Amino acid sequence: WLEGSTFVGRVQKHRASLESQYATVLDLAPEVGDRFSIEDFLWARTAISSRVFGWTLPGVDRDETDFMVPLGDMFNHRSPKQIEWYFNSTTKTLDYRALEDVPAGGELLISYGGKCNSGYLLHYGFTMPNVSTRQPPVSTVRVRVGLDADVPDREGRERWLVKAKLQDTGPLAPEEFELRANTWKNSGAASMLGYARLLSLPGGPEFDRK
């Protein structure tokens, strides 16, 4: 039922990125491949990425903000959140606090953050109702911008763009932009318009200079 949607390409791109990470691991430690297949790696990698917390902790490098919490990573998602979590600097523990009464035996739910449904589906495997009507807006649309067939000096322009994007030689893949609704700041629109302008620049030395 996803056939024809941009989500299929997004999944393929995400898997290719994970497979590239596996290849990097094998370059650094070839013996890993003797014990763990690519499917083993994908299972472990996605299990971790769908459960990690992100927080700056005292005494920990600010670049190392992802960590796992036993039991705490088992909570499911709800928005608005039912349970909030915070680092207790006194006890050096990650504490959870209910924001509302929870009946005995009831499920405890945290928030995975405000995301569009494609983000929930790609990273967590589920979708949520009424995301498109949430305020502030979290829904996004993905737009692919390619190089028109009739653009002047298309072949030369394509070679330049492939090189600039550090892409392997071959046809130029359309650039994909994620746009957020009802806002300009951090919406992705500026990047998309900038790329579209790059595609439409006149050819020749002026294009090479820019």
N, C-alpha and C. Protein backbone atom coordinates (compact mmCIF):
# COMPACT_ATOMS: atom_id res chain seq x y z
N TRP A 1 0.82 -1.22 0.00
CA TRP A 1 0.00 0.00 0.00
C TRP A 1 0.85 1.26 0.00
N LEU A 2 2.16 1.10 0.17
CA LEU A 2 3.06 2.26 0.09
C LEU A 2 3.62 2.45 -1.32
N GLU A 3 3.29 1.55 -2.22
CA GLU A 3 3.82 1.64 -3.58
C GLU A 3 3.46 2.98 -4.22
N GLY A 4 4.47 3.63 -4.79
CA GLY A 4 4.24 4.92 -5.44
C GLY A 4 4.47 6.12 -4.54
N SER A 5 4.60 5.89 -3.23
CA SER A 5 4.84 7.00 -2.31
C SER A 5 6.34 7.26 -2.18
N THR A 6 6.69 8.45 -1.74
CA THR A 6 8.10 8.79 -1.54
C THR A 6 8.67 8.05 -0.34
N PHE A 7 7.81 7.48 0.49
CA PHE A 7 8.29 6.79 1.68
C PHE A 7 9.11 5.55 1.32
N VAL A 8 8.75 4.89 0.22
CA VAL A 8 9.50 3.71 -0.20
C VAL A 8 10.96 4.06 -0.46
N GLY A 9 11.19 5.15 -1.19
CA GLY A 9 12.55 5.59 -1.46
C GLY A 9 13.27 5.99 -0.19
N ARG A 10 12.53 6.57 0.74
CA ARG A 10 13.13 6.98 2.01
C ARG A 10 13.60 5.76 2.81
N VAL A 11 12.79 4.71 2.80
CA VAL A 11 13.18 3.47 3.49
C VAL A 11 14.42 2.87 2.83
N GLN A 12 14.43 2.84 1.51
CA GLN A 12 15.58 2.28 0.79
C GLN A 12 16.84 3.09 1.08
N LYS A 13 16.72 4.40 1.13
CA LYS A 13 17.86 5.26 1.42
C LYS A 13 18.35 5.03 2.85
N HIS A 14 17.41 4.87 3.78
CA HIS A 14 17.76 4.64 5.19
C HIS A 14 18.48 3.30 5.33
N ARG A 15 17.97 2.26 4.66
CA ARG A 15 18.61 0.95 4.74
C ARG A 15 20.01 1.00 4.13
N ALA A 16 20.16 1.72 3.01
CA ALA A 16 21.48 1.83 2.38
C ALA A 16 22.47 2.51 3.33
N SER A 17 22.00 3.50 4.09
CA SER A 17 22.86 4.16 5.07
C SER A 17 23.29 3.19 6.17
N LEU A 18 22.37 2.36 6.63
CA LEU A 18 22.70 1.37 7.67
C LEU A 18 23.66 0.31 7.12
N GLU A 19 23.46 -0.10 5.88
CA GLU A 19 24.35 -1.07 5.27
C GLU A 19 25.76 -0.49 5.11
N SER A 20 25.83 0.81 4.83
CA SER A 20 27.12 1.48 4.74
C SER A 20 27.82 1.49 6.09
N GLN A 21 27.05 1.68 7.16
CA GLN A 21 27.64 1.62 8.51
C GLN A 21 28.19 0.24 8.81
N TYR A 22 27.47 -0.80 8.38
CA TYR A 22 27.95 -2.17 8.58
C TYR A 22 29.26 -2.39 7.83
N ALA A 23 29.33 -1.88 6.60
CA ALA A 23 30.56 -2.01 5.82
C ALA A 23 31.72 -1.30 6.50
N THR A 24 31.44 -0.15 7.12
CA THR A 24 32.49 0.57 7.85
C THR A 24 32.98 -0.25 9.04
N VAL A 25 32.05 -0.89 9.76
CA VAL A 25 32.43 -1.74 10.88
C VAL A 25 33.33 -2.87 10.41
N LEU A 26 32.99 -3.49 9.27
CA LEU A 26 33.80 -4.58 8.75
C LEU A 26 35.18 -4.11 8.31
N ASP A 27 35.26 -2.88 7.79
CA ASP A 27 36.57 -2.33 7.43
C ASP A 27 37.47 -2.19 8.66
N LEU A 28 36.86 -1.78 9.76
CA LEU A 28 37.62 -1.56 10.99
C LEU A 28 37.86 -2.85 11.77
N ALA A 29 36.91 -3.77 11.70
CA ALA A 29 37.01 -5.03 12.45
C ALA A 29 36.44 -6.16 11.60
N PRO A 30 37.19 -6.69 10.65
CA PRO A 30 36.68 -7.71 9.72
C PRO A 30 36.12 -8.94 10.42
N GLU A 31 36.62 -9.25 11.61
CA GLU A 31 36.16 -10.45 12.31
C GLU A 31 34.68 -10.37 12.72
N VAL A 32 34.14 -9.15 12.76
CA VAL A 32 32.73 -8.99 13.10
C VAL A 32 31.85 -9.73 12.10
N GLY A 33 32.25 -9.71 10.84
CA GLY A 33 31.47 -10.37 9.80
C GLY A 33 31.41 -11.87 9.95
N ASP A 34 32.36 -12.46 10.67
CA ASP A 34 32.35 -13.91 10.88
C ASP A 34 31.27 -14.31 11.88
N ARG A 35 30.88 -13.39 12.72
CA ARG A 35 29.92 -13.72 13.79
C ARG A 35 28.54 -13.09 13.57
N PHE A 36 28.53 -11.94 12.88
CA PHE A 36 27.26 -11.21 12.75
C PHE A 36 27.01 -10.84 11.30
N SER A 37 25.86 -11.27 10.78
CA SER A 37 25.48 -10.95 9.41
C SER A 37 24.94 -9.54 9.32
N ILE A 38 24.66 -9.09 8.12
CA ILE A 38 24.07 -7.77 7.92
C ILE A 38 22.70 -7.71 8.58
N GLU A 39 21.95 -8.81 8.56
CA GLU A 39 20.64 -8.82 9.20
C GLU A 39 20.76 -8.71 10.72
N ASP A 40 21.80 -9.36 11.28
CA ASP A 40 22.05 -9.22 12.72
C ASP A 40 22.35 -7.77 13.07
N PHE A 41 23.18 -7.14 12.24
CA PHE A 41 23.55 -5.74 12.48
C PHE A 41 22.33 -4.83 12.39
N LEU A 42 21.50 -5.06 11.36
CA LEU A 42 20.31 -4.21 11.19
C LEU A 42 19.37 -4.35 12.37
N TRP A 43 19.21 -5.57 12.88
CA TRP A 43 18.35 -5.76 14.05
C TRP A 43 18.88 -4.98 15.24
N ALA A 44 20.18 -5.15 15.53
CA ALA A 44 20.76 -4.48 16.70
C ALA A 44 20.75 -2.97 16.53
N ARG A 45 21.10 -2.51 15.34
CA ARG A 45 21.18 -1.07 15.09
C ARG A 45 19.82 -0.40 15.23
N THR A 46 18.78 -1.02 14.68
CA THR A 46 17.45 -0.42 14.77
C THR A 46 16.86 -0.57 16.17
N ALA A 47 17.19 -1.68 16.85
CA ALA A 47 16.72 -1.84 18.22
C ALA A 47 17.27 -0.74 19.12
N ILE A 48 18.51 -0.39 18.89
CA ILE A 48 19.13 0.67 19.69
C ILE A 48 18.57 2.04 19.31
N SER A 49 18.55 2.33 18.01
CA SER A 49 18.15 3.68 17.58
C SER A 49 16.69 3.98 17.90
N SER A 50 15.85 2.95 18.03
CA SER A 50 14.44 3.19 18.35
C SER A 50 14.19 3.25 19.85
N ARG A 51 15.25 3.06 20.66
CA ARG A 51 15.07 3.03 22.11
C ARG A 51 15.96 4.01 22.87
N VAL A 52 16.91 4.63 22.20
CA VAL A 52 17.84 5.48 22.91
C VAL A 52 17.18 6.77 23.40
N PHE A 53 17.72 7.30 24.48
CA PHE A 53 17.35 8.62 24.98
C PHE A 53 18.47 9.59 24.59
N GLY A 54 18.11 10.84 24.44
CA GLY A 54 19.11 11.86 24.13
C GLY A 54 19.11 12.94 25.20
N TRP A 55 20.23 13.08 25.88
CA TRP A 55 20.30 14.04 26.97
C TRP A 55 21.76 14.35 27.27
N THR A 56 22.04 15.57 27.63
CA THR A 56 23.38 15.95 28.04
C THR A 56 23.52 15.67 29.54
N LEU A 57 24.44 14.78 29.90
CA LEU A 57 24.62 14.37 31.29
C LEU A 57 25.87 14.98 31.88
N PRO A 58 25.86 15.32 33.15
CA PRO A 58 27.05 15.88 33.81
C PRO A 58 28.22 14.91 33.72
N GLY A 59 29.38 15.44 33.35
CA GLY A 59 30.58 14.61 33.29
C GLY A 59 30.72 13.79 32.04
N VAL A 60 29.77 13.90 31.12
CA VAL A 60 29.80 13.15 29.87
C VAL A 60 30.00 14.12 28.71
N ASP A 61 30.85 13.74 27.77
CA ASP A 61 31.13 14.57 26.60
C ASP A 61 29.81 15.02 25.96
N ARG A 62 29.71 16.30 25.60
CA ARG A 62 28.46 16.84 25.06
C ARG A 62 28.11 16.21 23.72
N ASP A 63 29.10 15.59 23.05
CA ASP A 63 28.82 14.90 21.79
C ASP A 63 28.25 13.51 22.04
N GLU A 64 28.36 13.02 23.26
CA GLU A 64 27.86 11.68 23.60
C GLU A 64 26.54 11.84 24.37
N THR A 65 25.47 12.05 23.64
CA THR A 65 24.19 12.35 24.29
C THR A 65 23.18 11.21 24.16
N ASP A 66 23.53 10.13 23.48
CA ASP A 66 22.60 9.02 23.29
C ASP A 66 22.92 7.90 24.27
N PHE A 67 21.92 7.40 24.97
CA PHE A 67 22.15 6.32 25.92
C PHE A 67 20.87 5.50 26.08
N MET A 68 21.03 4.28 26.56
CA MET A 68 19.90 3.40 26.78
C MET A 68 19.63 3.27 28.27
N VAL A 69 18.36 3.06 28.60
CA VAL A 69 17.94 2.96 29.99
C VAL A 69 17.18 1.65 30.19
N PRO A 70 17.75 0.69 30.92
CA PRO A 70 17.03 -0.57 31.15
C PRO A 70 15.64 -0.32 31.72
N LEU A 71 14.67 -1.00 31.21
CA LEU A 71 13.25 -0.87 31.55
C LEU A 71 12.66 0.43 31.01
N GLY A 72 13.36 1.55 31.21
CA GLY A 72 12.85 2.83 30.73
C GLY A 72 12.66 2.87 29.23
N ASP A 73 13.42 2.03 28.48
CA ASP A 73 13.28 2.05 27.03
C ASP A 73 12.13 1.15 26.56
N MET A 74 11.35 0.61 27.51
CA MET A 74 10.23 -0.24 27.15
C MET A 74 8.91 0.53 27.05
N PHE A 75 8.89 1.78 27.51
CA PHE A 75 7.65 2.55 27.49
C PHE A 75 7.23 2.88 26.05
N ASN A 76 5.94 2.80 25.80
CA ASN A 76 5.40 3.18 24.51
C ASN A 76 5.14 4.69 24.46
N HIS A 77 4.71 5.14 23.27
CA HIS A 77 4.59 6.58 23.00
C HIS A 77 3.15 7.07 23.17
N ARG A 78 3.04 8.29 23.69
CA ARG A 78 1.79 9.03 23.65
C ARG A 78 2.11 10.51 23.63
N SER A 79 1.32 11.25 22.89
CA SER A 79 1.48 12.70 22.87
C SER A 79 0.11 13.33 23.06
N PRO A 80 -0.07 14.15 24.12
CA PRO A 80 0.95 14.61 25.06
C PRO A 80 1.40 13.50 26.00
N LYS A 81 2.60 13.66 26.54
CA LYS A 81 3.19 12.61 27.36
C LYS A 81 2.45 12.45 28.68
N GLN A 82 2.40 11.23 29.14
CA GLN A 82 1.80 10.89 30.42
C GLN A 82 2.89 10.87 31.52
N ILE A 83 4.08 10.47 31.12
CA ILE A 83 5.22 10.36 32.02
C ILE A 83 6.35 11.23 31.49
N GLU A 84 6.98 12.00 32.33
CA GLU A 84 8.17 12.74 31.93
C GLU A 84 9.38 12.14 32.64
N TRP A 85 10.54 12.31 32.04
CA TRP A 85 11.77 11.79 32.64
C TRP A 85 12.80 12.90 32.70
N TYR A 86 13.68 12.80 33.68
CA TYR A 86 14.70 13.83 33.87
C TYR A 86 15.87 13.21 34.64
N PHE A 87 17.04 13.81 34.49
CA PHE A 87 18.21 13.33 35.20
C PHE A 87 18.26 13.98 36.58
N ASN A 88 18.33 13.15 37.60
CA ASN A 88 18.40 13.61 38.99
C ASN A 88 19.87 13.78 39.36
N SER A 89 20.31 15.02 39.43
CA SER A 89 21.73 15.28 39.69
C SER A 89 22.15 14.92 41.12
N THR A 90 21.18 14.79 42.01
CA THR A 90 21.50 14.43 43.40
C THR A 90 21.78 12.94 43.52
N THR A 91 20.88 12.12 42.96
CA THR A 91 21.03 10.67 43.07
C THR A 91 21.76 10.07 41.88
N LYS A 92 22.04 10.92 40.85
CA LYS A 92 22.69 10.45 39.62
C LYS A 92 21.87 9.34 38.95
N THR A 93 20.57 9.53 38.93
CA THR A 93 19.68 8.55 38.33
C THR A 93 18.77 9.23 37.32
N LEU A 94 18.18 8.43 36.43
CA LEU A 94 17.17 8.93 35.51
C LEU A 94 15.82 8.64 36.14
N ASP A 95 15.09 9.68 36.49
CA ASP A 95 13.84 9.53 37.23
C ASP A 95 12.64 9.77 36.32
N TYR A 96 11.56 9.07 36.61
CA TYR A 96 10.30 9.23 35.88
C TYR A 96 9.24 9.78 36.82
N ARG A 97 8.39 10.65 36.30
CA ARG A 97 7.35 11.25 37.10
C ARG A 97 6.05 11.30 36.30
N ALA A 98 4.98 10.79 36.92
CA ALA A 98 3.68 10.79 36.26
C ALA A 98 3.08 12.19 36.29
N LEU A 99 2.55 12.63 35.18
CA LEU A 99 1.93 13.94 35.09
C LEU A 99 0.42 13.88 35.31
N GLU A 100 -0.09 12.68 35.51
CA GLU A 100 -1.52 12.50 35.74
C GLU A 100 -1.71 11.20 36.52
N ASP A 101 -2.88 11.01 37.06
CA ASP A 101 -3.16 9.77 37.78
C ASP A 101 -3.17 8.59 36.81
N VAL A 102 -2.52 7.51 37.21
CA VAL A 102 -2.48 6.30 36.40
C VAL A 102 -3.09 5.17 37.22
N PRO A 103 -4.13 4.52 36.72
CA PRO A 103 -4.76 3.44 37.50
C PRO A 103 -3.80 2.28 37.68
N ALA A 104 -3.99 1.54 38.75
CA ALA A 104 -3.16 0.36 39.00
C ALA A 104 -3.24 -0.59 37.82
N GLY A 105 -2.08 -1.02 37.35
CA GLY A 105 -2.04 -1.92 36.20
C GLY A 105 -2.11 -1.21 34.87
N GLY A 106 -2.26 0.14 34.89
CA GLY A 106 -2.34 0.90 33.65
C GLY A 106 -0.99 1.03 32.97
N GLU A 107 -1.01 1.24 31.66
CA GLU A 107 0.23 1.38 30.90
C GLU A 107 0.84 2.76 31.15
N LEU A 108 2.17 2.80 31.25
CA LEU A 108 2.90 4.05 31.40
C LEU A 108 3.42 4.47 30.04
N LEU A 109 3.21 5.73 29.67
CA LEU A 109 3.51 6.20 28.32
C LEU A 109 4.35 7.47 28.37
N ILE A 110 5.43 7.48 27.60
CA ILE A 110 6.25 8.68 27.46
C ILE A 110 6.06 9.22 26.04
N SER A 111 6.68 10.35 25.75
CA SER A 111 6.61 10.92 24.40
C SER A 111 7.93 10.66 23.68
N TYR A 112 7.82 10.23 22.43
CA TYR A 112 9.00 10.05 21.59
C TYR A 112 9.36 11.34 20.85
N GLY A 113 8.64 12.41 21.16
CA GLY A 113 8.89 13.68 20.50
C GLY A 113 7.87 13.95 19.41
N GLY A 114 7.72 15.22 19.07
CA GLY A 114 6.78 15.61 18.03
C GLY A 114 7.34 15.33 16.65
N LYS A 115 6.75 14.40 15.95
CA LYS A 115 7.22 14.00 14.62
C LYS A 115 6.03 13.84 13.69
N CYS A 116 6.30 13.86 12.41
CA CYS A 116 5.27 13.53 11.45
C CYS A 116 5.14 12.01 11.40
N ASN A 117 4.07 11.52 10.80
CA ASN A 117 3.85 10.08 10.79
C ASN A 117 4.90 9.31 10.01
N SER A 118 5.48 9.93 8.99
CA SER A 118 6.54 9.23 8.26
C SER A 118 7.75 9.00 9.16
N GLY A 119 8.02 9.95 10.06
CA GLY A 119 9.12 9.78 11.01
C GLY A 119 8.83 8.69 12.02
N TYR A 120 7.60 8.67 12.53
CA TYR A 120 7.23 7.60 13.46
C TYR A 120 7.33 6.24 12.78
N LEU A 121 6.83 6.14 11.54
CA LEU A 121 6.81 4.86 10.85
C LEU A 121 8.22 4.39 10.51
N LEU A 122 9.06 5.30 10.05
CA LEU A 122 10.41 4.92 9.64
C LEU A 122 11.26 4.47 10.82
N HIS A 123 11.16 5.17 11.94
CA HIS A 123 12.07 4.90 13.05
C HIS A 123 11.47 4.04 14.16
N TYR A 124 10.12 3.99 14.24
CA TYR A 124 9.51 3.23 15.33
C TYR A 124 8.52 2.17 14.87
N GLY A 125 8.08 2.24 13.62
CA GLY A 125 7.21 1.19 13.10
C GLY A 125 5.73 1.38 13.38
N PHE A 126 5.29 2.59 13.71
CA PHE A 126 3.86 2.84 13.92
C PHE A 126 3.50 4.23 13.42
N THR A 127 2.21 4.49 13.31
CA THR A 127 1.71 5.82 12.97
C THR A 127 0.71 6.24 14.04
N MET A 128 0.42 7.54 14.09
CA MET A 128 -0.49 8.09 15.09
C MET A 128 -1.65 8.81 14.41
N PRO A 129 -2.85 8.75 14.99
CA PRO A 129 -3.99 9.47 14.42
C PRO A 129 -3.89 10.97 14.70
N ASN A 130 -4.50 11.76 13.83
CA ASN A 130 -4.67 13.20 14.02
C ASN A 130 -3.37 14.00 14.08
N VAL A 131 -2.28 13.43 13.56
CA VAL A 131 -1.01 14.17 13.55
C VAL A 131 -1.11 15.42 12.69
N SER A 132 -1.87 15.33 11.60
CA SER A 132 -1.96 16.46 10.66
C SER A 132 -2.65 17.68 11.25
N THR A 133 -3.41 17.50 12.34
CA THR A 133 -4.14 18.62 12.94
C THR A 133 -3.47 19.12 14.22
N ARG A 134 -2.33 18.58 14.56
CA ARG A 134 -1.68 18.94 15.82
C ARG A 134 -1.11 20.35 15.75
N GLN A 135 -1.17 21.05 16.87
CA GLN A 135 -0.60 22.39 16.99
C GLN A 135 0.40 22.43 18.14
N PRO A 136 1.62 22.98 17.91
CA PRO A 136 2.12 23.47 16.62
C PRO A 136 2.29 22.34 15.62
N PRO A 137 2.28 22.66 14.32
CA PRO A 137 2.30 21.61 13.30
C PRO A 137 3.56 20.76 13.37
N VAL A 138 3.41 19.46 13.18
CA VAL A 138 4.56 18.56 13.11
C VAL A 138 4.58 17.81 11.78
N SER A 139 3.49 17.91 11.01
CA SER A 139 3.43 17.20 9.73
C SER A 139 4.39 17.83 8.73
N THR A 140 4.92 16.99 7.87
CA THR A 140 5.85 17.45 6.85
C THR A 140 5.48 16.83 5.51
N VAL A 141 6.02 17.40 4.46
CA VAL A 141 5.88 16.83 3.12
C VAL A 141 7.28 16.79 2.52
N ARG A 142 7.58 15.73 1.79
CA ARG A 142 8.89 15.58 1.17
C ARG A 142 8.76 15.85 -0.32
N VAL A 143 9.64 16.72 -0.82
CA VAL A 143 9.62 17.14 -2.22
C VAL A 143 10.95 16.78 -2.86
N ARG A 144 10.88 16.13 -3.99
CA ARG A 144 12.08 15.74 -4.73
C ARG A 144 12.30 16.75 -5.85
N VAL A 145 13.52 17.28 -5.93
CA VAL A 145 13.88 18.28 -6.93
C VAL A 145 14.97 17.69 -7.82
N GLY A 146 14.65 17.54 -9.08
CA GLY A 146 15.60 16.96 -10.03
C GLY A 146 16.06 17.97 -11.07
N LEU A 147 16.97 17.53 -11.91
CA LEU A 147 17.53 18.38 -12.97
C LEU A 147 16.69 18.18 -14.22
N ASP A 148 16.08 19.27 -14.73
CA ASP A 148 15.21 19.17 -15.91
C ASP A 148 15.99 18.66 -17.12
N ALA A 149 15.27 17.93 -17.97
CA ALA A 149 15.92 17.35 -19.16
C ALA A 149 16.35 18.42 -20.15
N ASP A 150 15.66 19.58 -20.19
CA ASP A 150 15.95 20.60 -21.20
C ASP A 150 16.82 21.73 -20.67
N VAL A 151 17.45 21.57 -19.49
CA VAL A 151 18.30 22.63 -18.96
C VAL A 151 19.55 22.74 -19.83
N PRO A 152 20.04 23.97 -20.10
CA PRO A 152 21.24 24.13 -20.93
C PRO A 152 22.44 23.40 -20.34
N ASP A 153 23.23 22.77 -21.23
CA ASP A 153 24.44 22.04 -20.83
C ASP A 153 24.13 21.07 -19.69
N ARG A 154 23.09 20.28 -19.90
CA ARG A 154 22.64 19.40 -18.82
C ARG A 154 23.72 18.41 -18.39
N GLU A 155 24.43 17.81 -19.35
CA GLU A 155 25.43 16.80 -19.02
C GLU A 155 26.56 17.39 -18.17
N GLY A 156 27.04 18.57 -18.58
CA GLY A 156 28.10 19.21 -17.81
C GLY A 156 27.63 19.60 -16.41
N ARG A 157 26.41 20.10 -16.34
CA ARG A 157 25.85 20.49 -15.05
C ARG A 157 25.67 19.27 -14.14
N GLU A 158 25.24 18.16 -14.75
CA GLU A 158 25.04 16.95 -13.96
C GLU A 158 26.38 16.45 -13.42
N ARG A 159 27.43 16.46 -14.24
CA ARG A 159 28.75 16.03 -13.77
C ARG A 159 29.21 16.89 -12.60
N TRP A 160 28.99 18.19 -12.70
CA TRP A 160 29.41 19.11 -11.64
C TRP A 160 28.66 18.82 -10.34
N LEU A 161 27.35 18.60 -10.44
CA LEU A 161 26.53 18.35 -9.26
C LEU A 161 26.85 17.00 -8.62
N VAL A 162 27.10 15.99 -9.45
CA VAL A 162 27.48 14.68 -8.92
C VAL A 162 28.77 14.79 -8.12
N LYS A 163 29.72 15.52 -8.67
CA LYS A 163 31.00 15.71 -7.97
C LYS A 163 30.81 16.52 -6.69
N ALA A 164 30.00 17.59 -6.74
CA ALA A 164 29.79 18.44 -5.58
C ALA A 164 29.07 17.69 -4.45
N LYS A 165 28.20 16.75 -4.80
CA LYS A 165 27.46 15.98 -3.81
C LYS A 165 28.23 14.75 -3.33
N LEU A 166 29.44 14.56 -3.84
CA LEU A 166 30.26 13.40 -3.48
C LEU A 166 29.51 12.10 -3.80
N GLN A 167 28.72 12.14 -4.84
CA GLN A 167 27.96 10.96 -5.25
C GLN A 167 28.80 10.13 -6.19
N ASP A 168 28.60 8.81 -6.15
CA ASP A 168 29.28 7.95 -7.10
C ASP A 168 28.87 8.35 -8.51
N THR A 169 29.76 8.07 -9.46
CA THR A 169 29.44 8.42 -10.84
C THR A 169 28.17 7.72 -11.26
N GLY A 170 27.40 8.38 -12.07
CA GLY A 170 26.13 7.83 -12.52
C GLY A 170 25.10 8.93 -12.61
N PRO A 171 23.87 8.57 -12.94
CA PRO A 171 22.82 9.58 -13.05
C PRO A 171 22.65 10.36 -11.74
N LEU A 172 22.39 11.64 -11.87
CA LEU A 172 22.19 12.47 -10.70
C LEU A 172 20.87 12.12 -10.02
N ALA A 173 20.94 11.73 -8.77
CA ALA A 173 19.72 11.40 -8.03
C ALA A 173 19.01 12.69 -7.63
N PRO A 174 17.68 12.74 -7.75
CA PRO A 174 16.96 13.94 -7.31
C PRO A 174 17.22 14.21 -5.83
N GLU A 175 17.36 15.48 -5.49
CA GLU A 175 17.56 15.87 -4.09
C GLU A 175 16.19 15.93 -3.41
N GLU A 176 16.13 15.39 -2.20
CA GLU A 176 14.85 15.34 -1.49
C GLU A 176 14.88 16.29 -0.30
N PHE A 177 13.82 17.08 -0.16
CA PHE A 177 13.73 18.05 0.92
C PHE A 177 12.46 17.79 1.73
N GLU A 178 12.60 17.91 3.04
CA GLU A 178 11.47 17.74 3.93
C GLU A 178 10.99 19.12 4.37
N LEU A 179 9.75 19.45 4.06
CA LEU A 179 9.20 20.77 4.34
C LEU A 179 8.18 20.67 5.47
N ARG A 180 8.27 21.61 6.41
CA ARG A 180 7.34 21.66 7.53
C ARG A 180 6.27 22.71 7.26
N ALA A 181 5.04 22.41 7.66
CA ALA A 181 3.91 23.28 7.35
C ALA A 181 3.86 24.52 8.23
N ASN A 182 3.31 25.60 7.66
CA ASN A 182 2.95 26.82 8.40
C ASN A 182 4.12 27.49 9.11
N THR A 183 5.30 27.33 8.59
CA THR A 183 6.44 28.02 9.18
C THR A 183 7.54 28.14 8.13
N TRP A 184 8.37 29.16 8.27
CA TRP A 184 9.52 29.32 7.38
C TRP A 184 10.80 28.91 8.09
N LYS A 185 10.94 29.27 9.36
CA LYS A 185 12.14 28.97 10.11
C LYS A 185 12.31 27.46 10.25
N ASN A 186 13.48 26.98 9.86
CA ASN A 186 13.81 25.55 9.94
C ASN A 186 12.79 24.67 9.23
N SER A 187 12.13 25.23 8.21
CA SER A 187 11.10 24.46 7.51
C SER A 187 11.67 23.63 6.37
N GLY A 188 12.91 23.90 5.96
CA GLY A 188 13.50 23.21 4.82
C GLY A 188 13.28 23.94 3.52
N ALA A 189 12.39 24.96 3.53
CA ALA A 189 12.07 25.66 2.29
C ALA A 189 13.26 26.44 1.75
N ALA A 190 14.04 27.05 2.63
CA ALA A 190 15.19 27.84 2.18
C ALA A 190 16.21 26.95 1.47
N SER A 191 16.45 25.76 2.00
CA SER A 191 17.39 24.83 1.37
C SER A 191 16.88 24.37 0.01
N MET A 192 15.58 24.09 -0.06
CA MET A 192 15.01 23.64 -1.33
C MET A 192 15.10 24.73 -2.39
N LEU A 193 14.75 25.97 -2.02
CA LEU A 193 14.81 27.07 -2.99
C LEU A 193 16.25 27.36 -3.40
N GLY A 194 17.19 27.22 -2.45
CA GLY A 194 18.60 27.42 -2.78
C GLY A 194 19.09 26.39 -3.79
N TYR A 195 18.67 25.13 -3.62
CA TYR A 195 19.07 24.09 -4.55
C TYR A 195 18.42 24.32 -5.92
N ALA A 196 17.14 24.71 -5.91
CA ALA A 196 16.46 24.99 -7.17
C ALA A 196 17.14 26.14 -7.91
N ARG A 197 17.60 27.14 -7.16
CA ARG A 197 18.32 28.26 -7.79
C ARG A 197 19.62 27.76 -8.41
N LEU A 198 20.30 26.86 -7.71
CA LEU A 198 21.55 26.30 -8.24
C LEU A 198 21.30 25.57 -9.55
N LEU A 199 20.20 24.84 -9.63
CA LEU A 199 19.89 24.11 -10.85
C LEU A 199 19.58 25.05 -12.02
N SER A 200 19.07 26.25 -11.71
CA SER A 200 18.64 27.15 -12.78
C SER A 200 19.68 28.19 -13.15
N LEU A 201 20.86 28.17 -12.50
CA LEU A 201 21.90 29.15 -12.84
C LEU A 201 22.35 28.96 -14.28
N PRO A 202 22.68 30.05 -14.98
CA PRO A 202 23.21 29.92 -16.34
C PRO A 202 24.49 29.10 -16.34
N GLY A 203 24.72 28.36 -17.41
CA GLY A 203 25.92 27.55 -17.50
C GLY A 203 27.15 28.37 -17.80
N GLY A 204 28.29 27.71 -17.89
CA GLY A 204 29.54 28.37 -18.21
C GLY A 204 30.34 28.75 -16.97
N PRO A 205 31.32 29.64 -17.13
CA PRO A 205 32.21 30.01 -16.02
C PRO A 205 31.46 30.53 -14.80
N GLU A 206 30.36 31.25 -15.02
CA GLU A 206 29.60 31.79 -13.88
C GLU A 206 29.05 30.67 -13.01
N PHE A 207 28.56 29.61 -13.68
CA PHE A 207 28.03 28.48 -12.91
C PHE A 207 29.15 27.77 -12.16
N ASP A 208 30.31 27.58 -12.80
CA ASP A 208 31.43 26.93 -12.13
C ASP A 208 31.91 27.73 -10.93
N ARG A 209 31.89 29.05 -11.06
CA ARG A 209 32.37 29.90 -9.96
C ARG A 209 31.44 29.79 -8.76
N LYS A 210 30.14 29.77 -9.00
CA LYS A 210 29.17 29.70 -7.91
C LYS A 210 29.16 28.31 -7.29
